[in-house]
């Protein structure tokens, strides 16, 4: 499983999405379950899956899936493929 696939599955699981609902352009306001608990769940999931736990400021600044991708890539975690 590629890192991109791992991120997709993580976010489907965290946000209780149907696979068909997910796309990498999703924004926070489109996901009802992306609330304060969702922010914490993302942080834990990113740590478990990719070894990086975002700081509180990083986590609160995430406004969409693209921001998560950028954060991971800035930490040296490639999501190509």
N, C-alpha and C. Protein backbone atom coordinates (compact mmCIF):
# COMPACT_ATOMS: atom_id res chain seq x y z
N UNK A 1 0.85 -1.17 0.00
CA UNK A 1 0.00 0.00 0.00
C UNK A 1 0.90 1.25 0.00
N UNK A 2 0.63 2.16 -0.91
CA UNK A 2 1.42 3.38 -0.98
C UNK A 2 1.04 4.33 0.15
N UNK A 3 1.87 5.33 0.39
CA UNK A 3 1.55 6.33 1.41
C UNK A 3 0.26 7.06 1.07
N UNK A 4 0.04 7.31 -0.20
CA UNK A 4 -1.19 7.98 -0.63
C UNK A 4 -2.41 7.12 -0.27
N UNK A 5 -2.31 5.82 -0.53
CA UNK A 5 -3.40 4.90 -0.18
C UNK A 5 -3.60 4.81 1.33
N UNK A 6 -2.48 4.83 2.07
CA UNK A 6 -2.56 4.79 3.54
C UNK A 6 -3.28 6.03 4.06
N UNK A 7 -2.94 7.20 3.51
CA UNK A 7 -3.60 8.43 3.95
C UNK A 7 -5.09 8.38 3.61
N UNK A 8 -5.41 7.94 2.42
CA UNK A 8 -6.82 7.83 2.01
C UNK A 8 -7.59 6.95 2.98
N UNK A 9 -7.04 5.78 3.29
CA UNK A 9 -7.73 4.85 4.20
C UNK A 9 -7.83 5.42 5.60
N UNK A 10 -6.77 6.08 6.06
CA UNK A 10 -6.80 6.69 7.38
C UNK A 10 -7.93 7.71 7.49
N UNK A 11 -8.05 8.58 6.49
CA UNK A 11 -9.06 9.62 6.54
C UNK A 11 -10.47 9.07 6.38
N UNK A 12 -10.63 8.04 5.58
CA UNK A 12 -11.93 7.36 5.48
C UNK A 12 -12.32 6.80 6.84
N UNK A 13 -11.36 6.18 7.52
CA UNK A 13 -11.64 5.59 8.84
C UNK A 13 -11.91 6.67 9.90
N UNK A 14 -11.07 7.70 9.95
CA UNK A 14 -11.20 8.74 10.96
C UNK A 14 -12.52 9.50 10.80
N UNK A 15 -12.86 9.82 9.57
CA UNK A 15 -14.04 10.65 9.33
C UNK A 15 -15.30 9.86 8.99
N UNK A 16 -15.19 8.53 9.07
CA UNK A 16 -16.35 7.66 8.85
C UNK A 16 -16.98 7.92 7.48
N UNK A 17 -16.13 8.01 6.47
CA UNK A 17 -16.59 8.27 5.11
C UNK A 17 -16.77 6.97 4.34
N UNK A 18 -17.64 7.00 3.38
CA UNK A 18 -17.73 5.91 2.41
C UNK A 18 -16.57 6.13 1.43
N UNK A 19 -15.94 5.07 0.95
CA UNK A 19 -14.83 5.25 0.01
C UNK A 19 -15.18 6.14 -1.18
N UNK A 20 -16.40 6.05 -1.68
CA UNK A 20 -16.80 6.87 -2.82
C UNK A 20 -16.90 8.36 -2.48
N UNK A 21 -17.02 8.68 -1.20
CA UNK A 21 -17.12 10.08 -0.77
C UNK A 21 -15.76 10.77 -0.72
N UNK A 22 -14.70 9.99 -0.63
CA UNK A 22 -13.38 10.57 -0.44
C UNK A 22 -12.77 11.04 -1.75
N UNK A 23 -12.15 12.22 -1.68
CA UNK A 23 -11.28 12.70 -2.75
C UNK A 23 -10.25 13.63 -2.11
N UNK A 24 -9.13 13.78 -2.76
CA UNK A 24 -8.03 14.55 -2.17
C UNK A 24 -8.27 16.05 -2.17
N UNK A 25 -9.39 16.50 -2.73
CA UNK A 25 -9.76 17.91 -2.70
C UNK A 25 -10.73 18.25 -1.57
N UNK A 26 -11.08 17.26 -0.76
CA UNK A 26 -12.04 17.50 0.32
C UNK A 26 -11.56 18.60 1.25
N UNK A 27 -12.49 19.44 1.67
CA UNK A 27 -12.21 20.52 2.61
C UNK A 27 -12.92 20.23 3.93
N UNK A 28 -12.38 20.80 4.97
CA UNK A 28 -12.90 20.56 6.32
C UNK A 28 -14.41 20.80 6.41
N UNK A 29 -14.88 21.87 5.79
CA UNK A 29 -16.31 22.21 5.90
C UNK A 29 -17.22 21.22 5.18
N UNK A 30 -16.64 20.35 4.36
CA UNK A 30 -17.43 19.33 3.66
C UNK A 30 -17.59 18.04 4.47
N UNK A 31 -16.86 17.95 5.58
CA UNK A 31 -16.83 16.71 6.36
C UNK A 31 -17.42 17.00 7.74
N UNK A 32 -18.61 16.51 7.98
CA UNK A 32 -19.30 16.76 9.25
C UNK A 32 -18.50 16.28 10.46
N UNK A 33 -17.76 15.20 10.31
CA UNK A 33 -17.04 14.63 11.43
C UNK A 33 -15.65 15.23 11.64
N UNK A 34 -15.29 16.26 10.84
CA UNK A 34 -14.00 16.93 11.03
C UNK A 34 -14.22 18.05 12.05
N UNK A 35 -14.35 17.63 13.30
CA UNK A 35 -14.57 18.54 14.41
C UNK A 35 -13.35 18.47 15.32
N UNK A 36 -13.46 18.94 16.56
CA UNK A 36 -12.30 18.93 17.46
C UNK A 36 -11.81 17.51 17.73
N UNK A 37 -12.72 16.57 17.86
CA UNK A 37 -12.31 15.17 18.05
C UNK A 37 -11.66 14.65 16.77
N UNK A 38 -12.16 15.06 15.62
CA UNK A 38 -11.55 14.68 14.35
C UNK A 38 -10.12 15.18 14.23
N UNK A 39 -9.85 16.39 14.72
CA UNK A 39 -8.49 16.94 14.69
C UNK A 39 -7.56 16.08 15.52
N UNK A 40 -8.02 15.69 16.70
CA UNK A 40 -7.20 14.82 17.56
C UNK A 40 -6.98 13.47 16.90
N UNK A 41 -8.03 12.93 16.31
CA UNK A 41 -7.94 11.62 15.64
C UNK A 41 -6.97 11.67 14.46
N UNK A 42 -6.98 12.78 13.72
CA UNK A 42 -6.02 12.93 12.62
C UNK A 42 -4.60 12.89 13.18
N UNK A 43 -4.36 13.64 14.25
CA UNK A 43 -3.02 13.67 14.84
C UNK A 43 -2.54 12.30 15.25
N UNK A 44 -3.39 11.57 15.94
CA UNK A 44 -3.03 10.22 16.38
C UNK A 44 -2.81 9.30 15.18
N UNK A 45 -3.71 9.39 14.21
CA UNK A 45 -3.60 8.54 13.02
C UNK A 45 -2.34 8.83 12.22
N UNK A 46 -1.99 10.11 12.08
CA UNK A 46 -0.77 10.45 11.34
C UNK A 46 0.46 9.92 12.07
N UNK A 47 0.46 10.00 13.39
CA UNK A 47 1.58 9.47 14.17
C UNK A 47 1.70 7.95 13.99
N UNK A 48 0.58 7.26 14.10
CA UNK A 48 0.59 5.80 13.98
C UNK A 48 0.94 5.35 12.57
N UNK A 49 0.48 6.07 11.57
CA UNK A 49 0.65 5.65 10.18
C UNK A 49 1.95 6.12 9.57
N UNK A 50 2.35 7.36 9.89
CA UNK A 50 3.50 7.96 9.22
C UNK A 50 4.63 8.36 10.16
N UNK A 51 4.42 8.22 11.47
CA UNK A 51 5.47 8.56 12.42
C UNK A 51 5.60 10.05 12.71
N UNK A 52 4.65 10.85 12.26
CA UNK A 52 4.69 12.29 12.55
C UNK A 52 3.40 12.69 13.24
N UNK A 53 3.55 13.29 14.42
CA UNK A 53 2.40 13.83 15.13
C UNK A 53 2.43 15.34 14.96
N UNK A 54 1.41 15.90 14.31
CA UNK A 54 1.41 17.35 14.12
C UNK A 54 1.31 18.09 15.45
N UNK A 55 1.93 19.26 15.49
CA UNK A 55 1.79 20.11 16.67
C UNK A 55 0.34 20.59 16.74
N UNK A 56 -0.10 21.08 17.88
CA UNK A 56 -1.46 21.62 17.94
C UNK A 56 -1.71 22.71 16.90
N UNK A 57 -0.73 23.58 16.69
CA UNK A 57 -0.90 24.65 15.70
C UNK A 57 -1.02 24.07 14.29
N UNK A 58 -0.19 23.06 13.96
CA UNK A 58 -0.27 22.42 12.65
C UNK A 58 -1.63 21.77 12.46
N UNK A 59 -2.09 21.05 13.48
CA UNK A 59 -3.36 20.33 13.38
C UNK A 59 -4.53 21.30 13.20
N UNK A 60 -4.53 22.40 13.93
CA UNK A 60 -5.63 23.36 13.82
C UNK A 60 -5.60 24.12 12.50
N UNK A 61 -4.44 24.21 11.87
CA UNK A 61 -4.32 24.93 10.60
C UNK A 61 -4.78 24.11 9.41
N UNK A 62 -5.02 22.83 9.60
CA UNK A 62 -5.44 21.97 8.50
C UNK A 62 -6.87 22.31 8.09
N UNK A 63 -7.04 22.71 6.84
CA UNK A 63 -8.39 23.06 6.39
C UNK A 63 -8.89 22.15 5.28
N UNK A 64 -8.09 21.15 4.93
CA UNK A 64 -8.49 20.22 3.91
C UNK A 64 -7.47 19.11 3.76
N UNK A 65 -7.83 18.13 2.98
CA UNK A 65 -6.92 17.01 2.75
C UNK A 65 -5.62 17.48 2.10
N UNK A 66 -5.70 18.46 1.22
CA UNK A 66 -4.49 18.98 0.56
C UNK A 66 -3.51 19.54 1.59
N UNK A 67 -4.02 20.14 2.67
CA UNK A 67 -3.14 20.65 3.72
C UNK A 67 -2.43 19.50 4.44
N UNK A 68 -3.11 18.39 4.63
CA UNK A 68 -2.48 17.22 5.26
C UNK A 68 -1.37 16.70 4.36
N UNK A 69 -1.64 16.63 3.07
CA UNK A 69 -0.63 16.17 2.10
C UNK A 69 0.59 17.09 2.18
N UNK A 70 0.37 18.40 2.15
CA UNK A 70 1.49 19.36 2.22
C UNK A 70 2.27 19.22 3.51
N UNK A 71 1.57 19.04 4.63
CA UNK A 71 2.23 18.88 5.91
C UNK A 71 3.14 17.65 5.90
N UNK A 72 2.61 16.53 5.44
CA UNK A 72 3.41 15.30 5.40
C UNK A 72 4.61 15.45 4.47
N UNK A 73 4.39 16.04 3.31
CA UNK A 73 5.49 16.21 2.36
C UNK A 73 6.55 17.14 2.92
N UNK A 74 6.14 18.16 3.68
CA UNK A 74 7.11 19.08 4.31
C UNK A 74 7.94 18.35 5.36
N UNK A 75 7.42 17.26 5.90
CA UNK A 75 8.13 16.46 6.88
C UNK A 75 8.94 15.34 6.22
N UNK A 76 8.98 15.35 4.88
CA UNK A 76 9.77 14.35 4.17
C UNK A 76 9.05 13.06 3.86
N UNK A 77 7.73 13.05 4.00
CA UNK A 77 6.93 11.85 3.75
C UNK A 77 6.29 12.01 2.37
N UNK A 78 6.78 11.25 1.43
CA UNK A 78 6.29 11.35 0.05
C UNK A 78 4.95 10.66 -0.11
N UNK A 79 4.05 11.33 -0.81
CA UNK A 79 2.73 10.75 -1.09
C UNK A 79 2.54 10.51 -2.58
N UNK A 80 3.63 10.42 -3.31
CA UNK A 80 3.54 10.11 -4.73
C UNK A 80 3.05 8.69 -4.93
N UNK A 81 2.35 8.50 -6.03
CA UNK A 81 1.93 7.15 -6.42
C UNK A 81 0.79 6.69 -5.63
